[in-house]
């Protein structure tokens, strides 16, 4: 896909795909594709993802 963000290392591909799909599902992918600092925010995205999984497991 043109202009789709790509990771700059070999370890963040899974998180990149999850975050990209989340934005497509929410139909908010335009801001995601315009961002230039998303790689720096991968640790934050990973923490949010882990917290969501934890909360779902506790239900």
Protein backbone atom coordinates (compact mmCIF):
# COMPACT_ATOMS: atom_id res chain seq x y z
CA UNK A 1 0.00 0.00 0.00
CA UNK A 2 1.40 3.38 -0.95
CA UNK A 3 2.41 5.65 1.91
CA UNK A 4 1.90 2.89 4.47
CA UNK A 5 4.27 3.27 7.41
CA UNK A 6 7.11 0.79 7.63
CA UNK A 7 9.25 -0.05 10.61
CA UNK A 8 12.89 0.93 10.69
CA UNK A 9 14.12 -2.17 12.52
CA UNK A 10 13.61 -5.94 12.48
CA UNK A 11 11.59 -6.23 15.69
CA UNK A 12 8.52 -4.01 15.42
CA UNK A 13 6.72 -5.60 12.46
CA UNK A 14 3.99 -7.24 14.56
CA UNK A 15 3.21 -4.09 16.50
CA UNK A 16 3.28 -2.03 13.31
CA UNK A 17 0.73 -4.33 11.66
CA UNK A 18 -1.51 -4.32 14.75
CA UNK A 19 -1.47 -0.53 15.04
CA UNK A 20 -2.01 -0.07 11.32
CA UNK A 21 -5.00 -2.46 11.32
CA UNK A 22 -6.44 -0.76 14.41
CA UNK A 23 -6.43 2.54 12.55
CA UNK A 24 -8.01 1.01 9.45
CA UNK A 25 -10.77 -0.58 11.53
CA UNK A 26 -11.41 2.72 13.27
CA UNK A 27 -11.30 4.46 9.87
CA UNK A 28 -8.70 6.83 11.23
CA UNK A 29 -5.80 5.74 9.07
CA UNK A 30 -5.20 9.15 7.50
CA UNK A 31 -3.55 10.57 10.61
CA UNK A 32 -1.53 7.37 11.04
CA UNK A 33 -0.17 7.61 7.52
CA UNK A 34 0.76 11.28 7.93
CA UNK A 35 2.70 10.72 11.14
CA UNK A 36 6.45 10.70 10.98
CA UNK A 37 7.16 9.87 14.63
CA UNK A 38 5.27 6.58 14.85
CA UNK A 39 8.45 4.50 15.18
CA UNK A 40 9.40 6.46 18.29
CA UNK A 41 5.96 5.73 19.76
CA UNK A 42 6.12 1.94 19.28
CA UNK A 43 6.96 1.37 23.00
CA UNK A 44 3.83 3.36 23.95
CA UNK A 45 1.71 1.44 21.43
CA UNK A 46 3.11 -1.85 22.74
CA UNK A 47 2.27 -0.89 26.34
CA UNK A 48 -1.29 0.09 25.35
CA UNK A 49 -1.70 -3.22 23.49
CA UNK A 50 -0.41 -5.23 26.46
CA UNK A 51 -2.68 -3.35 28.85
CA UNK A 52 -5.68 -4.07 26.60
CA UNK A 53 -4.84 -7.77 26.56
CA UNK A 54 -4.38 -7.78 30.33
CA UNK A 55 -7.76 -6.09 30.92
CA UNK A 56 -9.48 -8.52 28.54
CA UNK A 57 -7.93 -11.47 30.37
CA UNK A 58 -9.11 -10.15 33.75
CA UNK A 59 -12.78 -10.08 32.70
